Amino acid sequence: MTKKKTLRPEIERFKHILIEAYQRGEFSANITAKDMVRELAHQLKPIFKGDNHK
């Protein structure tokens, strides 16, 4: 159960990033899928590295 508590903040951050990216893509006709994926990868990098301070 300790592992679940440890992952919770990362999961919440991940959900927030995905929702934000979806909304940005929905409201912007100028963003390409490539740009969206690149930005998503940049934002998710700290989560997968275990850096929660950014």
PDB file of N, CA and C in Angstrom:
ATOM      1  N   MET A   1       0.817  -1.207   0.000  1.00  0.00           N
ATOM      2  CA  MET A   1       0.000   0.000   0.000  1.00  0.00           C
ATOM      3  C   MET A   1       0.859   1.270   0.000  1.00  0.00           C
ATOM      4  N   THR A   2       2.059   1.165   0.490  1.00  0.00           N
ATOM      5  CA  THR A   2       2.956   2.313   0.482  1.00  0.00           C
ATOM      6  C   THR A   2       3.253   2.755  -0.944  1.00  0.00           C
ATOM      7  N   LYS A   3       3.420   1.796  -1.836  1.00  0.00           N
ATOM      8  CA  LYS A   3       3.707   2.126  -3.227  1.00  0.00           C
ATOM      9  C   LYS A   3       2.550   2.902  -3.849  1.00  0.00           C
ATOM     10  N   LYS A   4       1.308   2.535  -3.510  1.00  0.00           N
ATOM     11  CA  LYS A   4       0.140   3.246  -4.028  1.00  0.00           C
ATOM     12  C   LYS A   4       0.173   4.705  -3.603  1.00  0.00           C
ATOM     13  N   LYS A   5       0.476   4.959  -2.352  1.00  0.00           N
ATOM     14  CA  LYS A   5       0.535   6.331  -1.849  1.00  0.00           C
ATOM     15  C   LYS A   5       1.654   7.110  -2.527  1.00  0.00           C
ATOM     16  N   THR A   6       2.751   6.447  -2.823  1.00  0.00           N
ATOM     17  CA  THR A   6       3.881   7.095  -3.471  1.00  0.00           C
ATOM     18  C   THR A   6       3.539   7.479  -4.909  1.00  0.00           C
ATOM     19  N   LEU A   7       2.800   6.643  -5.610  1.00  0.00           N
ATOM     20  CA  LEU A   7       2.464   6.903  -7.005  1.00  0.00           C
ATOM     21  C   LEU A   7       1.341   7.919  -7.167  1.00  0.00           C
ATOM     22  N   ARG A   8       0.532   8.124  -6.173  1.00  0.00           N
ATOM     23  CA  ARG A   8      -0.644   8.985  -6.282  1.00  0.00           C
ATOM     24  C   ARG A   8      -0.334  10.383  -6.827  1.00  0.00           C
ATOM     25  N   PRO A   9       0.650  11.108  -6.292  1.00  0.00           N
ATOM     26  CA  PRO A   9       0.935  12.451  -6.826  1.00  0.00           C
ATOM     27  C   PRO A   9       1.333  12.424  -8.302  1.00  0.00           C
ATOM     28  N   GLU A  10       2.105  11.410  -8.696  1.00  0.00           N
ATOM     29  CA  GLU A  10       2.518  11.300 -10.091  1.00  0.00           C
ATOM     30  C   GLU A  10       1.317  11.050 -10.993  1.00  0.00           C
ATOM     31  N   ILE A  11       0.397  10.218 -10.543  1.00  0.00           N
ATOM     32  CA  ILE A  11      -0.806   9.926 -11.329  1.00  0.00           C
ATOM     33  C   ILE A  11      -1.655  11.178 -11.483  1.00  0.00           C
ATOM     34  N   GLU A  12      -1.821  11.927 -10.407  1.00  0.00           N
ATOM     35  CA  GLU A  12      -2.606  13.163 -10.468  1.00  0.00           C
ATOM     36  C   GLU A  12      -1.958  14.172 -11.409  1.00  0.00           C
ATOM     37  N   ARG A  13      -0.647  14.303 -11.356  1.00  0.00           N
ATOM     38  CA  ARG A  13       0.079  15.229 -12.240  1.00  0.00           C
ATOM     39  C   ARG A  13      -0.063  14.795 -13.696  1.00  0.00           C
ATOM     40  N   PHE A  14       0.054  13.487 -13.933  1.00  0.00           N
ATOM     41  CA  PHE A  14      -0.091  12.933 -15.272  1.00  0.00           C
ATOM     42  C   PHE A  14      -1.476  13.245 -15.830  1.00  0.00           C
ATOM     43  N   LYS A  15      -2.517  13.036 -15.035  1.00  0.00           N
ATOM     44  CA  LYS A  15      -3.887  13.326 -15.480  1.00  0.00           C
ATOM     45  C   LYS A  15      -4.047  14.807 -15.805  1.00  0.00           C
ATOM     46  N   HIS A  16      -3.493  15.662 -14.967  1.00  0.00           N
ATOM     47  CA  HIS A  16      -3.587  17.105 -15.181  1.00  0.00           C
ATOM     48  C   HIS A  16      -2.912  17.511 -16.495  1.00  0.00           C
ATOM     49  N   ILE A  17      -1.737  16.957 -16.751  1.00  0.00           N
ATOM     50  CA  ILE A  17      -1.005  17.266 -17.984  1.00  0.00           C
ATOM     51  C   ILE A  17      -1.787  16.806 -19.207  1.00  0.00           C
ATOM     52  N   LEU A  18      -2.363  15.607 -19.151  1.00  0.00           N
ATOM     53  CA  LEU A  18      -3.137  15.095 -20.284  1.00  0.00           C
ATOM     54  C   LEU A  18      -4.377  15.937 -20.553  1.00  0.00           C
ATOM     55  N   ILE A  19      -5.081  16.314 -19.508  1.00  0.00           N
ATOM     56  CA  ILE A  19      -6.281  17.147 -19.669  1.00  0.00           C
ATOM     57  C   ILE A  19      -5.906  18.499 -20.262  1.00  0.00           C
ATOM     58  N   GLU A  20      -4.838  19.088 -19.751  1.00  0.00           N
ATOM     59  CA  GLU A  20      -4.371  20.388 -20.253  1.00  0.00           C
ATOM     60  C   GLU A  20      -3.991  20.301 -21.734  1.00  0.00           C
ATOM     61  N   ALA A  21      -3.291  19.253 -22.108  1.00  0.00           N
ATOM     62  CA  ALA A  21      -2.886  19.074 -23.507  1.00  0.00           C
ATOM     63  C   ALA A  21      -4.101  18.890 -24.404  1.00  0.00           C
ATOM     64  N   TYR A  22      -5.064  18.123 -23.942  1.00  0.00           N
ATOM     65  CA  TYR A  22      -6.288  17.902 -24.716  1.00  0.00           C
ATOM     66  C   TYR A  22      -7.019  19.222 -24.939  1.00  0.00           C
ATOM     67  N   GLN A  23      -7.181  19.994 -23.873  1.00  0.00           N
ATOM     68  CA  GLN A  23      -7.886  21.271 -23.980  1.00  0.00           C
ATOM     69  C   GLN A  23      -7.139  22.234 -24.893  1.00  0.00           C
ATOM     70  N   ARG A  24      -5.830  22.282 -24.787  1.00  0.00           N
ATOM     71  CA  ARG A  24      -5.036  23.170 -25.629  1.00  0.00           C
ATOM     72  C   ARG A  24      -5.189  22.790 -27.101  1.00  0.00           C
ATOM     73  N   GLY A  25      -5.145  21.507 -27.386  1.00  0.00           N
ATOM     74  CA  GLY A  25      -5.304  21.032 -28.760  1.00  0.00           C
ATOM     75  C   GLY A  25      -6.692  21.288 -29.303  1.00  0.00           C
ATOM     76  N   GLU A  26      -7.692  21.194 -28.433  1.00  0.00           N
ATOM     77  CA  GLU A  26      -9.074  21.401 -28.861  1.00  0.00           C
ATOM     78  C   GLU A  26      -9.339  22.869 -29.199  1.00  0.00           C
ATOM     79  N   PHE A  27      -8.694  23.776 -28.493  1.00  0.00           N
ATOM     80  CA  PHE A  27      -8.957  25.199 -28.690  1.00  0.00           C
ATOM     81  C   PHE A  27      -7.990  25.881 -29.648  1.00  0.00           C
ATOM     82  N   SER A  28      -6.981  25.158 -30.107  1.00  0.00           N
ATOM     83  CA  SER A  28      -6.001  25.750 -31.010  1.00  0.00           C
ATOM     84  C   SER A  28      -5.956  24.994 -32.326  1.00  0.00           C
ATOM     85  N   ALA A  29      -6.254  25.695 -33.383  1.00  0.00           N
ATOM     86  CA  ALA A  29      -6.221  25.075 -34.709  1.00  0.00           C
ATOM     87  C   ALA A  29      -4.786  25.012 -35.244  1.00  0.00           C
ATOM     88  N   ASN A  30      -3.870  25.729 -34.612  1.00  0.00           N
ATOM     89  CA  ASN A  30      -2.499  25.829 -35.118  1.00  0.00           C
ATOM     90  C   ASN A  30      -1.545  24.784 -34.556  1.00  0.00           C
ATOM     91  N   ILE A  31      -1.944  24.054 -33.537  1.00  0.00           N
ATOM     92  CA  ILE A  31      -1.033  23.074 -32.934  1.00  0.00           C
ATOM     93  C   ILE A  31      -1.105  21.755 -33.698  1.00  0.00           C
ATOM     94  N   THR A  32       0.050  21.211 -33.996  1.00  0.00           N
ATOM     95  CA  THR A  32       0.086  19.928 -34.706  1.00  0.00           C
ATOM     96  C   THR A  32       0.209  18.798 -33.681  1.00  0.00           C
ATOM     97  N   ALA A  33      -0.092  17.594 -34.106  1.00  0.00           N
ATOM     98  CA  ALA A  33       0.034  16.433 -33.217  1.00  0.00           C
ATOM     99  C   ALA A  33       1.486  16.283 -32.758  1.00  0.00           C
ATOM    100  N   LYS A  34       2.410  16.541 -33.666  1.00  0.00           N
ATOM    101  CA  LYS A  34       3.838  16.430 -33.331  1.00  0.00           C
ATOM    102  C   LYS A  34       4.208  17.424 -32.229  1.00  0.00           C
ATOM    103  N   ASP A  35       3.734  18.656 -32.349  1.00  0.00           N
ATOM    104  CA  ASP A  35       4.009  19.665 -31.329  1.00  0.00           C
ATOM    105  C   ASP A  35       3.396  19.271 -29.989  1.00  0.00           C
ATOM    106  N   MET A  36       2.177  18.736 -30.034  1.00  0.00           N
ATOM    107  CA  MET A  36       1.493  18.349 -28.809  1.00  0.00           C
ATOM    108  C   MET A  36       2.238  17.209 -28.113  1.00  0.00           C
ATOM    109  N   VAL A  37       2.674  16.222 -28.879  1.00  0.00           N
ATOM    110  CA  VAL A  37       3.405  15.089 -28.306  1.00  0.00           C
ATOM    111  C   VAL A  37       4.743  15.557 -27.745  1.00  0.00           C
ATOM    112  N   ARG A  38       5.420  16.436 -28.449  1.00  0.00           N
ATOM    113  CA  ARG A  38       6.706  16.957 -27.978  1.00  0.00           C
ATOM    114  C   ARG A  38       6.530  17.695 -26.649  1.00  0.00           C
ATOM    115  N   GLU A  39       5.510  18.530 -26.566  1.00  0.00           N
ATOM    116  CA  GLU A  39       5.259  19.270 -25.333  1.00  0.00           C
ATOM    117  C   GLU A  39       4.862  18.326 -24.196  1.00  0.00           C
ATOM    118  N   LEU A  40       4.027  17.339 -24.507  1.00  0.00           N
ATOM    119  CA  LEU A  40       3.630  16.342 -23.509  1.00  0.00           C
ATOM    120  C   LEU A  40       4.852  15.601 -22.975  1.00  0.00           C
ATOM    121  N   ALA A  41       5.717  15.168 -23.865  1.00  0.00           N
ATOM    122  CA  ALA A  41       6.924  14.443 -23.457  1.00  0.00           C
ATOM    123  C   ALA A  41       7.793  15.312 -22.556  1.00  0.00           C
ATOM    124  N   HIS A  42       7.912  16.577 -22.891  1.00  0.00           N
ATOM    125  CA  HIS A  42       8.708  17.506 -22.087  1.00  0.00           C
ATOM    126  C   HIS A  42       8.122  17.647 -20.682  1.00  0.00           C
ATOM    127  N   GLN A  43       6.793  17.744 -20.588  1.00  0.00           N
ATOM    128  CA  GLN A  43       6.147  17.905 -19.295  1.00  0.00           C
ATOM    129  C   GLN A  43       6.167  16.618 -18.472  1.00  0.00           C
ATOM    130  N   LEU A  44       6.122  15.475 -19.135  1.00  0.00           N
ATOM    131  CA  LEU A  44       6.079  14.194 -18.430  1.00  0.00           C
ATOM    132  C   LEU A  44       7.457  13.695 -18.007  1.00  0.00           C
ATOM    133  N   LYS A  45       8.495  14.223 -18.617  1.00  0.00           N
ATOM    134  CA  LYS A  45       9.857  13.768 -18.336  1.00  0.00           C
ATOM    135  C   LYS A  45      10.179  13.760 -16.836  1.00  0.00           C
ATOM    136  N   PRO A  46       9.885  14.823 -16.087  1.00  0.00           N
ATOM    137  CA  PRO A  46      10.194  14.809 -14.650  1.00  0.00           C
ATOM    138  C   PRO A  46       9.447  13.717 -13.885  1.00  0.00           C
ATOM    139  N   ILE A  47       8.249  13.397 -14.305  1.00  0.00           N
ATOM    140  CA  ILE A  47       7.466  12.368 -13.618  1.00  0.00           C
ATOM    141  C   ILE A  47       8.148  11.016 -13.760  1.00  0.00           C
ATOM    142  N   PHE A  48       8.581  10.700 -14.970  1.00  0.00           N
ATOM    143  CA  PHE A  48       9.199   9.407 -15.200  1.00  0.00           C
ATOM    144  C   PHE A  48      10.617   9.324 -14.646  1.00  0.00           C
ATOM    145  N   LYS A  49      11.234  10.467 -14.421  1.00  0.00           N
ATOM    146  CA  LYS A  49      12.558  10.481 -13.801  1.00  0.00           C
ATOM    147  C   LYS A  49      12.446  10.475 -12.282  1.00  0.00           C
ATOM    148  N   GLY A  50      11.238  10.677 -11.761  1.00  0.00           N
ATOM    149  CA  GLY A  50      11.037  10.686 -10.319  1.00  0.00           C
ATOM    150  C   GLY A  50      11.290  12.039  -9.698  1.00  0.00           C
ATOM    151  N   ASP A  51      11.344  13.081 -10.503  1.00  0.00           N
ATOM    152  CA  ASP A  51      11.577  14.438 -10.020  1.00  0.00           C
ATOM    153  C   ASP A  51      10.237  15.128  -9.850  1.00  0.00           C
ATOM    154  N   ASN A  52       9.782  15.265  -8.626  1.00  0.00           N
ATOM    155  CA  ASN A  52       8.479  15.883  -8.367  1.00  0.00           C
ATOM    156  C   ASN A  52       8.590  17.345  -7.977  1.00  0.00           C
ATOM    157  N   HIS A  53       9.772  17.916  -8.092  1.00  0.00           N
ATOM    158  CA  HIS A  53       9.966  19.292  -7.653  1.00  0.00           C
ATOM    159  C   HIS A  53       9.788  20.314  -8.750  1.00  0.00           C
ATOM    160  N   LYS A  54       9.522  19.889  -9.974  1.00  0.00           N
ATOM    161  CA  LYS A  54       9.339  20.837 -11.087  1.00  0.00           C
ATOM    162  C   LYS A  54       7.897  21.072 -11.356  1.00  0.00           C
TER     163      LYS A  54
END
